[in-house]
N, C-alpha and C. Protein backbone atom coordinates (compact mmCIF):
# COMPACT_ATOMS: atom_id res chain seq x y z
N MET A 1 6.24 11.71 -6.56
CA MET A 1 5.52 11.30 -7.75
C MET A 1 4.89 9.93 -7.53
N ILE A 2 3.64 9.77 -7.94
CA ILE A 2 2.95 8.49 -7.83
C ILE A 2 2.87 7.87 -9.21
N PRO A 3 3.50 6.69 -9.41
CA PRO A 3 3.36 6.03 -10.71
C PRO A 3 1.89 5.71 -10.96
N LEU A 4 1.51 5.65 -12.23
CA LEU A 4 0.11 5.39 -12.54
C LEU A 4 -0.29 3.95 -12.27
N GLY A 5 0.63 3.00 -12.33
CA GLY A 5 0.29 1.61 -12.06
C GLY A 5 0.60 1.23 -10.63
N ALA A 6 -0.38 1.08 -9.79
CA ALA A 6 -0.19 0.70 -8.40
C ALA A 6 -1.56 0.40 -7.81
N VAL A 7 -1.63 -0.58 -6.90
CA VAL A 7 -2.90 -0.80 -6.22
C VAL A 7 -3.13 0.42 -5.34
N ARG A 8 -4.31 0.98 -5.43
CA ARG A 8 -4.64 2.19 -4.69
C ARG A 8 -5.87 1.96 -3.85
N ALA A 9 -5.91 2.69 -2.74
CA ALA A 9 -7.11 2.68 -1.91
C ALA A 9 -7.30 4.06 -1.31
N VAL A 10 -8.55 4.48 -1.30
CA VAL A 10 -8.95 5.63 -0.51
C VAL A 10 -9.67 5.03 0.69
N VAL A 11 -9.14 5.31 1.87
CA VAL A 11 -9.65 4.69 3.09
C VAL A 11 -10.24 5.77 3.98
N GLN A 12 -11.46 5.54 4.42
CA GLN A 12 -12.12 6.49 5.31
C GLN A 12 -12.53 5.78 6.59
N ARG A 13 -12.24 6.45 7.72
CA ARG A 13 -12.72 5.94 9.00
C ARG A 13 -14.19 6.31 9.08
N VAL A 14 -15.03 5.33 9.39
CA VAL A 14 -16.47 5.56 9.36
C VAL A 14 -17.14 5.13 10.66
N SER A 15 -18.24 5.81 10.97
CA SER A 15 -19.07 5.34 12.07
C SER A 15 -20.11 4.34 11.55
N ARG A 16 -20.38 4.42 10.24
CA ARG A 16 -21.21 3.41 9.57
C ARG A 16 -21.04 3.59 8.06
N ALA A 17 -21.28 2.51 7.32
CA ALA A 17 -21.20 2.58 5.86
C ALA A 17 -21.98 1.42 5.27
N GLU A 18 -22.52 1.66 4.09
CA GLU A 18 -23.20 0.57 3.38
C GLU A 18 -23.11 0.81 1.88
N VAL A 19 -23.27 -0.28 1.15
CA VAL A 19 -23.27 -0.21 -0.30
C VAL A 19 -24.51 -0.94 -0.81
N ARG A 20 -25.19 -0.31 -1.76
CA ARG A 20 -26.41 -0.88 -2.34
C ARG A 20 -26.23 -1.07 -3.85
N VAL A 21 -26.83 -2.13 -4.34
CA VAL A 21 -26.90 -2.41 -5.77
C VAL A 21 -28.38 -2.61 -6.10
N ASP A 22 -28.87 -1.83 -7.04
CA ASP A 22 -30.29 -1.89 -7.40
C ASP A 22 -31.21 -1.74 -6.19
N GLY A 23 -30.82 -0.87 -5.26
CA GLY A 23 -31.63 -0.58 -4.09
C GLY A 23 -31.50 -1.58 -2.95
N GLN A 24 -30.76 -2.67 -3.17
CA GLN A 24 -30.60 -3.71 -2.15
C GLN A 24 -29.24 -3.58 -1.48
N VAL A 25 -29.21 -3.63 -0.16
CA VAL A 25 -27.94 -3.56 0.57
C VAL A 25 -27.16 -4.85 0.32
N VAL A 26 -25.91 -4.71 -0.16
CA VAL A 26 -25.06 -5.88 -0.39
C VAL A 26 -23.91 -5.93 0.61
N GLY A 27 -23.64 -4.83 1.29
CA GLY A 27 -22.60 -4.78 2.31
C GLY A 27 -22.89 -3.65 3.28
N ARG A 28 -22.70 -3.92 4.58
CA ARG A 28 -22.98 -2.90 5.59
C ARG A 28 -22.08 -3.13 6.80
N ILE A 29 -21.51 -2.05 7.32
CA ILE A 29 -20.72 -2.13 8.54
C ILE A 29 -21.12 -1.00 9.47
N ALA A 30 -20.81 -1.18 10.75
CA ALA A 30 -20.92 -0.09 11.72
C ALA A 30 -19.53 0.54 11.77
N ARG A 31 -18.99 0.74 12.93
CA ARG A 31 -17.68 1.37 13.09
C ARG A 31 -16.59 0.60 12.35
N GLY A 32 -15.76 1.34 11.63
CA GLY A 32 -14.66 0.68 10.93
C GLY A 32 -14.07 1.54 9.85
N LEU A 33 -13.67 0.88 8.76
CA LEU A 33 -13.06 1.54 7.62
C LEU A 33 -13.79 1.17 6.34
N CYS A 34 -13.95 2.15 5.48
CA CYS A 34 -14.45 1.91 4.13
C CYS A 34 -13.27 2.12 3.19
N ALA A 35 -12.94 1.09 2.42
CA ALA A 35 -11.81 1.15 1.50
C ALA A 35 -12.31 1.05 0.06
N LEU A 36 -12.09 2.12 -0.71
CA LEU A 36 -12.35 2.12 -2.14
C LEU A 36 -11.05 1.67 -2.79
N VAL A 37 -11.08 0.58 -3.56
CA VAL A 37 -9.85 -0.08 -4.01
C VAL A 37 -9.84 -0.21 -5.53
N ALA A 38 -8.65 0.03 -6.12
CA ALA A 38 -8.48 -0.13 -7.57
C ALA A 38 -7.11 -0.71 -7.87
N ALA A 39 -7.01 -1.46 -8.96
CA ALA A 39 -5.75 -2.05 -9.39
C ALA A 39 -5.29 -1.40 -10.69
N GLY A 40 -3.97 -1.19 -10.77
CA GLY A 40 -3.36 -0.65 -11.98
C GLY A 40 -2.94 -1.75 -12.92
N ASP A 41 -2.61 -1.39 -14.14
CA ASP A 41 -2.36 -2.37 -15.19
C ASP A 41 -1.14 -3.27 -14.96
N ASP A 42 -0.25 -2.92 -14.06
CA ASP A 42 0.93 -3.75 -13.81
C ASP A 42 1.00 -4.30 -12.39
N ASP A 43 -0.12 -4.34 -11.70
CA ASP A 43 -0.13 -4.79 -10.32
C ASP A 43 -0.08 -6.31 -10.19
N THR A 44 0.39 -6.73 -9.02
CA THR A 44 0.53 -8.16 -8.74
C THR A 44 -0.03 -8.46 -7.35
N GLY A 45 0.03 -9.72 -6.99
CA GLY A 45 -0.39 -10.12 -5.66
C GLY A 45 0.44 -9.47 -4.56
N ASP A 46 1.71 -9.15 -4.85
CA ASP A 46 2.55 -8.46 -3.86
C ASP A 46 1.98 -7.09 -3.52
N ASP A 47 1.48 -6.38 -4.53
CA ASP A 47 0.87 -5.08 -4.29
C ASP A 47 -0.37 -5.22 -3.42
N VAL A 48 -1.15 -6.25 -3.68
CA VAL A 48 -2.37 -6.49 -2.91
C VAL A 48 -2.03 -6.80 -1.45
N ARG A 49 -1.07 -7.68 -1.24
CA ARG A 49 -0.67 -8.03 0.13
C ARG A 49 -0.20 -6.80 0.89
N TYR A 50 0.59 -5.96 0.24
CA TYR A 50 1.07 -4.73 0.87
C TYR A 50 -0.11 -3.86 1.29
N LEU A 51 -1.05 -3.69 0.37
CA LEU A 51 -2.19 -2.81 0.64
C LEU A 51 -3.08 -3.35 1.75
N VAL A 52 -3.33 -4.65 1.75
CA VAL A 52 -4.16 -5.25 2.80
C VAL A 52 -3.51 -5.04 4.17
N GLU A 53 -2.22 -5.30 4.26
CA GLU A 53 -1.52 -5.11 5.54
C GLU A 53 -1.63 -3.67 6.00
N LYS A 54 -1.47 -2.73 5.08
CA LYS A 54 -1.57 -1.31 5.44
C LYS A 54 -2.97 -0.97 5.93
N VAL A 55 -3.98 -1.35 5.16
CA VAL A 55 -5.36 -0.97 5.49
C VAL A 55 -5.78 -1.59 6.82
N VAL A 56 -5.59 -2.88 6.96
CA VAL A 56 -6.03 -3.57 8.18
C VAL A 56 -5.24 -3.08 9.40
N GLY A 57 -3.99 -2.73 9.19
CA GLY A 57 -3.15 -2.31 10.30
C GLY A 57 -3.15 -0.83 10.61
N LEU A 58 -3.88 -0.03 9.83
CA LEU A 58 -3.89 1.41 10.07
C LEU A 58 -4.32 1.74 11.48
N ARG A 59 -3.51 2.50 12.16
CA ARG A 59 -3.83 2.91 13.53
C ARG A 59 -4.48 4.29 13.46
N VAL A 60 -5.77 4.29 13.19
CA VAL A 60 -6.51 5.55 13.01
C VAL A 60 -7.68 5.70 13.99
N PHE A 61 -7.74 4.81 14.96
CA PHE A 61 -8.80 4.89 15.97
C PHE A 61 -8.18 5.35 17.29
N ALA A 62 -8.92 6.14 18.03
CA ALA A 62 -8.41 6.75 19.25
C ALA A 62 -8.17 5.74 20.36
N ASP A 63 -7.07 5.95 21.08
CA ASP A 63 -6.80 5.19 22.30
C ASP A 63 -7.41 5.94 23.49
N ASP A 64 -7.09 5.51 24.69
CA ASP A 64 -7.67 6.14 25.89
C ASP A 64 -7.25 7.59 26.07
N GLN A 65 -6.16 7.99 25.42
CA GLN A 65 -5.70 9.37 25.50
C GLN A 65 -6.17 10.21 24.32
N GLY A 66 -6.99 9.63 23.46
CA GLY A 66 -7.52 10.35 22.31
C GLY A 66 -6.58 10.40 21.12
N GLN A 67 -5.48 9.65 21.17
CA GLN A 67 -4.51 9.61 20.06
C GLN A 67 -4.89 8.51 19.08
N MET A 68 -4.70 8.76 17.79
CA MET A 68 -4.94 7.72 16.78
C MET A 68 -3.83 6.67 16.95
N ASN A 69 -4.18 5.59 17.62
CA ASN A 69 -3.18 4.60 17.99
C ASN A 69 -3.71 3.17 17.95
N ARG A 70 -4.97 2.99 17.50
CA ARG A 70 -5.56 1.66 17.46
C ARG A 70 -6.00 1.30 16.05
N ALA A 71 -5.88 0.02 15.74
CA ALA A 71 -6.28 -0.50 14.42
C ALA A 71 -7.67 -1.13 14.51
N LEU A 72 -8.16 -1.60 13.38
CA LEU A 72 -9.49 -2.21 13.31
C LEU A 72 -9.70 -3.28 14.37
N ALA A 73 -8.79 -4.23 14.44
CA ALA A 73 -8.95 -5.34 15.39
C ALA A 73 -8.98 -4.85 16.83
N ASP A 74 -8.22 -3.80 17.12
CA ASP A 74 -8.16 -3.27 18.49
C ASP A 74 -9.49 -2.69 18.96
N VAL A 75 -10.31 -2.21 18.02
CA VAL A 75 -11.57 -1.55 18.39
C VAL A 75 -12.79 -2.37 17.99
N GLY A 76 -12.57 -3.59 17.49
CA GLY A 76 -13.69 -4.42 17.06
C GLY A 76 -14.37 -3.87 15.83
N GLY A 77 -13.61 -3.18 14.99
CA GLY A 77 -14.17 -2.57 13.78
C GLY A 77 -14.25 -3.54 12.61
N ALA A 78 -14.94 -3.11 11.58
CA ALA A 78 -15.11 -3.90 10.37
C ALA A 78 -14.59 -3.13 9.16
N LEU A 79 -14.46 -3.82 8.05
CA LEU A 79 -13.95 -3.23 6.82
C LEU A 79 -14.97 -3.43 5.71
N LEU A 80 -15.32 -2.33 5.02
CA LEU A 80 -16.17 -2.41 3.84
C LEU A 80 -15.28 -2.14 2.64
N VAL A 81 -15.17 -3.11 1.73
CA VAL A 81 -14.29 -3.01 0.56
C VAL A 81 -15.15 -2.82 -0.69
N VAL A 82 -14.86 -1.75 -1.43
CA VAL A 82 -15.62 -1.41 -2.63
C VAL A 82 -14.65 -1.22 -3.78
N SER A 83 -14.86 -1.94 -4.87
CA SER A 83 -14.00 -1.76 -6.05
C SER A 83 -14.34 -0.42 -6.70
N GLN A 84 -13.28 0.29 -7.13
CA GLN A 84 -13.51 1.60 -7.76
C GLN A 84 -12.38 1.93 -8.73
N PHE A 85 -12.52 1.44 -9.97
CA PHE A 85 -11.46 1.63 -10.95
C PHE A 85 -11.21 3.11 -11.25
N THR A 86 -12.17 3.98 -10.94
CA THR A 86 -11.99 5.40 -11.25
C THR A 86 -10.87 6.04 -10.43
N LEU A 87 -10.33 5.33 -9.45
CA LEU A 87 -9.16 5.84 -8.74
C LEU A 87 -7.97 5.98 -9.68
N PHE A 88 -8.04 5.34 -10.83
CA PHE A 88 -6.99 5.46 -11.83
C PHE A 88 -7.33 6.47 -12.92
N GLY A 89 -8.32 7.28 -12.68
CA GLY A 89 -8.65 8.33 -13.64
C GLY A 89 -7.52 9.36 -13.68
N ASP A 90 -6.91 9.50 -14.84
CA ASP A 90 -5.83 10.47 -15.04
C ASP A 90 -6.45 11.74 -15.62
N CYS A 91 -6.43 12.80 -14.84
CA CYS A 91 -7.09 14.05 -15.22
C CYS A 91 -6.09 15.14 -15.62
N ARG A 92 -4.86 14.75 -15.90
CA ARG A 92 -3.85 15.76 -16.20
C ARG A 92 -4.08 16.47 -17.54
N LYS A 93 -4.70 15.79 -18.48
CA LYS A 93 -4.96 16.40 -19.79
C LYS A 93 -6.45 16.54 -20.00
N GLY A 94 -6.86 17.67 -20.47
CA GLY A 94 -8.26 17.88 -20.80
C GLY A 94 -9.16 17.79 -19.59
N ARG A 95 -10.43 17.52 -19.87
CA ARG A 95 -11.43 17.47 -18.80
C ARG A 95 -12.07 16.11 -18.64
N ARG A 96 -11.75 15.20 -19.53
CA ARG A 96 -12.30 13.85 -19.43
C ARG A 96 -11.20 12.92 -18.94
N PRO A 97 -11.42 12.23 -17.83
CA PRO A 97 -10.38 11.34 -17.29
C PRO A 97 -10.05 10.20 -18.25
N SER A 98 -8.79 9.82 -18.26
CA SER A 98 -8.33 8.66 -19.01
C SER A 98 -8.15 7.51 -18.01
N PHE A 99 -8.59 6.33 -18.38
CA PHE A 99 -8.48 5.17 -17.51
C PHE A 99 -7.56 4.11 -18.09
N VAL A 100 -6.64 4.49 -18.96
CA VAL A 100 -5.79 3.52 -19.65
C VAL A 100 -4.85 2.78 -18.70
N LYS A 101 -4.55 3.33 -17.54
CA LYS A 101 -3.65 2.66 -16.59
C LYS A 101 -4.40 1.77 -15.59
N ALA A 102 -5.73 1.78 -15.65
CA ALA A 102 -6.51 0.87 -14.79
C ALA A 102 -6.38 -0.54 -15.36
N MET A 103 -6.33 -1.51 -14.49
CA MET A 103 -6.23 -2.90 -14.93
C MET A 103 -7.53 -3.32 -15.62
N ALA A 104 -7.42 -4.19 -16.61
CA ALA A 104 -8.60 -4.72 -17.29
C ALA A 104 -9.50 -5.43 -16.28
N PRO A 105 -10.80 -5.45 -16.53
CA PRO A 105 -11.75 -5.98 -15.53
C PRO A 105 -11.49 -7.41 -15.04
N GLU A 106 -11.17 -8.34 -15.92
CA GLU A 106 -11.02 -9.74 -15.50
C GLU A 106 -9.85 -9.92 -14.53
N PRO A 107 -8.64 -9.47 -14.87
CA PRO A 107 -7.57 -9.62 -13.87
C PRO A 107 -7.77 -8.73 -12.64
N ALA A 108 -8.40 -7.57 -12.81
CA ALA A 108 -8.66 -6.70 -11.67
C ALA A 108 -9.59 -7.37 -10.68
N GLU A 109 -10.58 -8.09 -11.18
CA GLU A 109 -11.50 -8.78 -10.28
C GLU A 109 -10.77 -9.83 -9.46
N LYS A 110 -9.82 -10.52 -10.07
CA LYS A 110 -9.04 -11.52 -9.33
C LYS A 110 -8.24 -10.87 -8.20
N LEU A 111 -7.62 -9.71 -8.49
CA LEU A 111 -6.87 -9.01 -7.44
C LEU A 111 -7.80 -8.47 -6.36
N TYR A 112 -8.97 -7.99 -6.77
CA TYR A 112 -9.97 -7.51 -5.80
C TYR A 112 -10.39 -8.66 -4.88
N GLU A 113 -10.67 -9.81 -5.44
CA GLU A 113 -11.06 -10.98 -4.63
C GLU A 113 -9.91 -11.41 -3.72
N GLN A 114 -8.68 -11.29 -4.21
CA GLN A 114 -7.52 -11.61 -3.37
C GLN A 114 -7.43 -10.62 -2.21
N PHE A 115 -7.70 -9.34 -2.48
CA PHE A 115 -7.71 -8.33 -1.42
C PHE A 115 -8.74 -8.71 -0.36
N VAL A 116 -9.94 -9.02 -0.78
CA VAL A 116 -11.02 -9.36 0.16
C VAL A 116 -10.66 -10.61 0.96
N ALA A 117 -10.17 -11.64 0.29
CA ALA A 117 -9.82 -12.88 1.00
C ALA A 117 -8.70 -12.64 2.01
N SER A 118 -7.70 -11.86 1.63
CA SER A 118 -6.59 -11.57 2.55
C SER A 118 -7.06 -10.75 3.74
N ALA A 119 -7.95 -9.80 3.50
CA ALA A 119 -8.48 -9.00 4.59
C ALA A 119 -9.28 -9.88 5.55
N ARG A 120 -10.08 -10.79 5.01
CA ARG A 120 -10.84 -11.70 5.86
C ARG A 120 -9.92 -12.61 6.66
N ALA A 121 -8.84 -13.06 6.02
CA ALA A 121 -7.88 -13.93 6.71
C ALA A 121 -7.19 -13.22 7.87
N SER A 122 -7.20 -11.90 7.86
CA SER A 122 -6.57 -11.14 8.94
C SER A 122 -7.41 -11.17 10.22
N GLY A 123 -8.65 -11.62 10.10
CA GLY A 123 -9.50 -11.76 11.28
C GLY A 123 -10.50 -10.65 11.51
N VAL A 124 -10.46 -9.58 10.70
CA VAL A 124 -11.46 -8.53 10.86
C VAL A 124 -12.69 -8.86 10.02
N PRO A 125 -13.88 -8.47 10.47
CA PRO A 125 -15.08 -8.68 9.66
C PRO A 125 -14.98 -7.84 8.38
N VAL A 126 -15.33 -8.45 7.26
CA VAL A 126 -15.23 -7.77 5.96
C VAL A 126 -16.55 -7.89 5.22
N GLU A 127 -17.04 -6.77 4.74
CA GLU A 127 -18.20 -6.72 3.86
C GLU A 127 -17.71 -6.14 2.53
N THR A 128 -18.48 -6.34 1.46
CA THR A 128 -18.03 -5.86 0.16
C THR A 128 -19.18 -5.25 -0.64
N GLY A 129 -18.76 -4.55 -1.68
CA GLY A 129 -19.68 -4.13 -2.71
C GLY A 129 -19.76 -5.27 -3.72
N ARG A 130 -20.13 -4.94 -4.94
CA ARG A 130 -20.20 -5.95 -6.00
C ARG A 130 -19.35 -5.47 -7.17
N PHE A 131 -18.36 -6.25 -7.52
CA PHE A 131 -17.42 -5.87 -8.57
C PHE A 131 -18.16 -5.59 -9.88
N ARG A 132 -17.83 -4.48 -10.53
CA ARG A 132 -18.36 -4.02 -11.82
C ARG A 132 -19.83 -3.63 -11.78
N ALA A 133 -20.41 -3.52 -10.61
CA ALA A 133 -21.81 -3.10 -10.52
C ALA A 133 -21.87 -1.60 -10.32
N MET A 134 -22.99 -1.00 -10.70
CA MET A 134 -23.26 0.39 -10.35
C MET A 134 -23.73 0.36 -8.90
N MET A 135 -22.97 1.03 -8.04
CA MET A 135 -23.25 0.95 -6.60
C MET A 135 -23.54 2.32 -6.03
N ASP A 136 -24.37 2.35 -5.01
CA ASP A 136 -24.57 3.53 -4.19
C ASP A 136 -23.85 3.25 -2.87
N VAL A 137 -22.85 4.08 -2.58
CA VAL A 137 -22.10 3.92 -1.34
C VAL A 137 -22.47 5.07 -0.42
N GLU A 138 -22.92 4.73 0.77
CA GLU A 138 -23.30 5.73 1.75
C GLU A 138 -22.46 5.50 3.00
N LEU A 139 -21.88 6.58 3.52
CA LEU A 139 -21.07 6.43 4.72
C LEU A 139 -21.07 7.71 5.53
N VAL A 140 -20.74 7.54 6.79
CA VAL A 140 -20.53 8.68 7.67
C VAL A 140 -19.05 8.66 8.02
N ASN A 141 -18.31 9.62 7.45
CA ASN A 141 -16.87 9.72 7.69
C ASN A 141 -16.66 10.25 9.10
N ASP A 142 -16.00 9.46 9.91
CA ASP A 142 -15.77 9.77 11.32
C ASP A 142 -14.48 10.58 11.47
N GLY A 143 -14.60 11.84 11.76
CA GLY A 143 -13.43 12.69 11.98
C GLY A 143 -13.56 14.05 11.33
N PRO A 144 -13.45 14.18 10.06
CA PRO A 144 -13.23 13.16 9.04
C PRO A 144 -11.78 12.67 9.01
N VAL A 145 -11.65 11.38 8.71
CA VAL A 145 -10.34 10.79 8.49
C VAL A 145 -10.40 10.11 7.13
N THR A 146 -9.56 10.57 6.20
CA THR A 146 -9.49 10.01 4.85
C THR A 146 -8.03 9.91 4.46
N LEU A 147 -7.61 8.73 4.00
CA LEU A 147 -6.22 8.50 3.62
C LEU A 147 -6.13 7.88 2.24
N LEU A 148 -5.09 8.24 1.51
CA LEU A 148 -4.79 7.63 0.22
C LEU A 148 -3.59 6.71 0.42
N ILE A 149 -3.75 5.45 0.01
CA ILE A 149 -2.65 4.49 0.11
C ILE A 149 -2.39 3.95 -1.29
N ASP A 150 -1.11 3.91 -1.65
CA ASP A 150 -0.71 3.49 -2.98
C ASP A 150 0.47 2.54 -2.82
N SER A 151 0.39 1.36 -3.42
CA SER A 151 1.42 0.34 -3.21
C SER A 151 2.75 0.70 -3.83
N LYS A 152 2.80 1.67 -4.73
CA LYS A 152 4.06 2.02 -5.40
C LYS A 152 4.42 3.47 -5.26
N ARG A 153 3.93 4.10 -4.23
CA ARG A 153 4.23 5.52 -4.04
C ARG A 153 5.72 5.72 -3.81
N VAL A 154 6.26 6.68 -4.51
CA VAL A 154 7.68 7.01 -4.39
C VAL A 154 7.79 8.36 -3.69
N PHE A 155 8.59 8.41 -2.62
CA PHE A 155 8.78 9.66 -1.89
C PHE A 155 10.09 10.28 -2.25
């Protein structure tokens, strides 16, 4: 069971990705990871730190034997971080998602900025979308490899 309040990310390994706002590119990477990130209503900096460590450290790039055994830094990859509160859309009832467990915009933006700053501090190149903007995200999923990471997932 996944609690509704947790920092979440959908992470895709990409050969390229970019995000545009009003037709203008605001973030672009070549090989790397695209992380769609959202904060839940009870998240803290601890959740953000956990998620950054997971995303940056994911060993999803092939080594010399073709095994997923290398992380972003090992392959000279970059990270594109895009805020996406809709990851907290609860679709269990009816047909219209409920977003009541998504964090309010002002504190969510602070956690998003903390995520970006922590990712940059890890040494990998980081590009971003624009918080609360209507964005067009274009990417080429390499593999495809897509992972869901949740800071409070219970197994």
